């Protein structure tokens, strides 16, 4: 048993999500996803670890050949002094390789394409990461079809389980 990992099968506390954009997959067609690092200050990391962030209205944009996360709400960390606090909705630089940045810039220059953050999480090393989605907006009929499919899958699962709750 010397070759086995001691922590195999255990969920690492650092590998959890700090924020999730649950409506993004309903509002957008996600063409591709990409993992990016994010530049944070100390109180922002503490707030993220407490699970207090919101990325529902946020998006990523190109500024000066770099990608920034805009409008992400990371609240102030209440246990830090006021002089150490961060700005709640400041632009945060995303850390990507040059080839990844060029790919994202090319994607954003196409008509109707936007960069949507899907989740902020901590990887197995405890480093904050952002999952970016290259997305195009859905039309109203696409959203209705998505809702119809979701309802059908739920009803199908209910029938397969044998629930008699619907009469």
Protein backbone atom coordinates (compact mmCIF):
# COMPACT_ATOMS: atom_id res chain seq x y z
CA UNK A 1 0.00 0.00 0.00
CA UNK A 2 3.01 2.29 -0.11
CA UNK A 3 2.18 3.44 -3.67
CA UNK A 4 -1.41 4.47 -2.87
CA UNK A 5 -2.40 8.06 -2.31
CA UNK A 6 -3.43 8.69 1.31
CA UNK A 7 -6.11 11.15 0.24
CA UNK A 8 -7.62 8.98 -2.52
CA UNK A 9 -11.40 9.08 -2.35
CA UNK A 10 -11.49 12.09 -0.04
CA UNK A 11 -12.95 15.36 -1.30
CA UNK A 12 -10.44 18.16 -0.96
CA UNK A 13 -11.93 21.24 0.69
CA UNK A 14 -9.92 23.51 -1.62
CA UNK A 15 -11.49 21.94 -4.75
CA UNK A 16 -14.91 23.50 -4.28
CA UNK A 17 -16.76 26.19 -6.18
CA UNK A 18 -16.74 29.71 -4.82
CA UNK A 19 -19.30 31.09 -7.28
CA UNK A 20 -21.35 29.71 -10.13
CA UNK A 21 -23.29 31.35 -12.96
CA UNK A 22 -26.24 28.97 -13.14
CA UNK A 23 -28.22 30.97 -15.73
CA UNK A 24 -25.34 31.13 -18.23
CA UNK A 25 -26.08 27.75 -19.81
CA UNK A 26 -29.76 28.72 -20.14
CA UNK A 27 -29.07 32.18 -21.61
CA UNK A 28 -26.19 31.22 -23.94
CA UNK A 29 -25.00 28.48 -26.29
CA UNK A 30 -21.57 27.58 -24.83
CA UNK A 31 -19.28 26.75 -27.75
CA UNK A 32 -16.07 26.15 -25.78
CA UNK A 33 -14.77 26.49 -22.23
CA UNK A 34 -11.38 27.54 -20.93
CA UNK A 35 -9.76 27.69 -17.50
CA UNK A 36 -8.05 30.94 -16.51
CA UNK A 37 -6.26 32.16 -13.43
CA UNK A 38 -7.46 35.36 -11.79
CA UNK A 39 -5.48 38.14 -10.10
CA UNK A 40 -6.93 38.75 -6.65
CA UNK A 41 -5.93 40.60 -3.51
CA UNK A 42 -5.93 38.90 -0.10
CA UNK A 43 -9.37 39.99 1.11
CA UNK A 44 -10.92 38.86 -2.18
CA UNK A 45 -9.49 35.37 -1.70
CA UNK A 46 -10.87 35.25 1.84
CA UNK A 47 -14.33 36.31 0.60
CA UNK A 48 -14.23 33.70 -2.17
CA UNK A 49 -13.27 30.96 0.28
CA UNK A 50 -16.29 31.98 2.37
CA UNK A 51 -18.44 31.46 -0.76
CA UNK A 52 -19.81 34.99 -0.91
CA UNK A 53 -19.15 35.93 -4.55
CA UNK A 54 -21.66 36.44 -7.36
CA UNK A 55 -20.83 36.24 -11.08
CA UNK A 56 -24.39 36.28 -12.42
CA UNK A 57 -24.08 39.66 -14.18
CA UNK A 58 -20.38 39.43 -14.98
CA UNK A 59 -18.58 39.01 -18.29
CA UNK A 60 -15.03 39.04 -19.64
CA UNK A 61 -13.74 41.61 -22.11
CA UNK A 62 -10.57 42.49 -23.98
CA UNK A 63 -8.71 45.62 -22.85
CA UNK A 64 -5.32 46.47 -24.27
CA UNK A 65 -4.61 42.94 -25.48
CA UNK A 66 -5.49 41.40 -22.09
CA UNK A 67 -8.64 39.72 -20.79
CA UNK A 68 -10.41 41.20 -17.75
CA UNK A 69 -13.32 39.91 -15.67
CA UNK A 70 -15.81 42.75 -15.30
CA UNK A 71 -18.77 43.30 -12.97
CA UNK A 72 -18.02 40.29 -10.74
CA UNK A 73 -19.25 40.97 -7.21
CA UNK A 74 -16.86 39.83 -4.48
CA UNK A 75 -18.05 41.45 -1.23
CA UNK A 76 -15.72 42.95 1.34
CA UNK A 77 -14.23 40.58 3.88
CA UNK A 78 -15.84 41.63 7.15
CA UNK A 79 -13.05 40.44 9.44
CA UNK A 80 -10.36 42.62 7.80
CA UNK A 81 -9.73 46.28 8.62
CA UNK A 82 -11.16 48.95 6.35
CA UNK A 83 -7.77 50.01 4.96
CA UNK A 84 -7.14 46.47 3.64
CA UNK A 85 -10.51 46.15 1.88
CA UNK A 86 -10.83 45.80 -1.88
CA UNK A 87 -13.20 47.46 -4.33
CA UNK A 88 -16.24 45.20 -4.68
CA UNK A 89 -16.77 45.33 -8.48
CA UNK A 90 -13.28 46.20 -9.73
CA UNK A 91 -11.97 44.78 -13.06
CA UNK A 92 -9.86 41.67 -12.38
CA UNK A 93 -7.19 40.54 -14.82
CA UNK A 94 -7.42 36.96 -16.05
CA UNK A 95 -4.18 35.03 -16.38
CA UNK A 96 -3.89 33.14 -19.66
CA UNK A 97 -1.19 32.03 -22.07
CA UNK A 98 -0.64 34.27 -25.09
CA UNK A 99 -2.10 31.67 -27.47
CA UNK A 100 -5.23 31.43 -25.31
CA UNK A 101 -5.57 35.22 -25.24
CA UNK A 102 -5.26 35.35 -29.03
CA UNK A 103 -7.90 32.62 -29.39
CA UNK A 104 -10.30 34.53 -27.11
CA UNK A 105 -9.66 37.84 -28.89
CA UNK A 106 -10.41 36.16 -32.23
CA UNK A 107 -13.60 34.67 -30.82
CA UNK A 108 -14.82 37.98 -29.35
CA UNK A 109 -14.22 39.79 -32.66
CA UNK A 110 -16.81 37.52 -34.31
CA UNK A 111 -20.31 38.95 -34.28
CA UNK A 112 -22.51 37.91 -31.35
CA UNK A 113 -19.80 36.14 -29.33
CA UNK A 114 -19.14 36.98 -25.70
CA UNK A 115 -17.01 35.60 -22.88
CA UNK A 116 -19.12 34.45 -19.95
CA UNK A 117 -17.67 33.24 -16.64
CA UNK A 118 -19.37 29.95 -15.75
CA UNK A 119 -17.74 29.35 -12.35
CA UNK A 120 -15.04 30.53 -9.97
CA UNK A 121 -13.44 27.70 -8.02
CA UNK A 122 -10.27 26.65 -6.23
CA UNK A 123 -8.19 23.94 -7.90
CA UNK A 124 -6.49 21.09 -6.03
CA UNK A 125 -3.53 23.35 -5.20
CA UNK A 126 -5.85 25.99 -3.68
CA UNK A 127 -5.47 28.49 -6.53
CA UNK A 128 -8.52 30.49 -7.66
CA UNK A 129 -9.57 29.73 -11.23
CA UNK A 130 -12.32 31.00 -13.54
CA UNK A 131 -14.07 28.76 -16.06
CA UNK A 132 -14.74 30.97 -19.09
CA UNK A 133 -17.25 30.05 -21.75
CA UNK A 134 -17.10 31.29 -25.34
CA UNK A 135 -20.81 31.88 -25.86
CA UNK A 136 -23.45 33.16 -28.25
CA UNK A 137 -26.79 34.38 -26.98
CA UNK A 138 -29.85 32.17 -27.33
CA UNK A 139 -33.01 33.37 -28.99
CA UNK A 140 -36.33 33.19 -27.18
CA UNK A 141 -37.43 30.04 -29.02
CA UNK A 142 -34.13 28.33 -28.11
CA UNK A 143 -34.76 29.08 -24.44
CA UNK A 144 -38.28 27.65 -24.70
CA UNK A 145 -36.89 24.49 -26.30
CA UNK A 146 -34.27 24.17 -23.54
CA UNK A 147 -37.01 24.48 -20.92
CA UNK A 148 -39.17 21.92 -22.76
CA UNK A 149 -36.26 19.43 -22.88
CA UNK A 150 -35.52 19.97 -19.19
CA UNK A 151 -39.18 19.37 -18.27
CA UNK A 152 -39.30 16.22 -20.41
CA UNK A 153 -36.15 14.82 -18.79
CA UNK A 154 -37.63 15.49 -15.35
CA UNK A 155 -40.95 13.83 -16.26
CA UNK A 156 -39.15 10.86 -17.82
CA UNK A 157 -37.06 10.37 -14.67
CA UNK A 158 -40.24 10.59 -12.56
CA UNK A 159 -41.94 7.89 -14.64
CA UNK A 160 -38.85 5.65 -14.51
CA UNK A 161 -38.74 5.95 -10.71
CA UNK A 162 -42.44 5.11 -10.53
CA UNK A 163 -43.55 8.23 -8.62
CA UNK A 164 -47.33 8.45 -8.35
CA UNK A 165 -47.29 12.04 -7.04
CA UNK A 166 -48.78 13.42 -10.28
CA UNK A 167 -52.46 12.64 -10.70
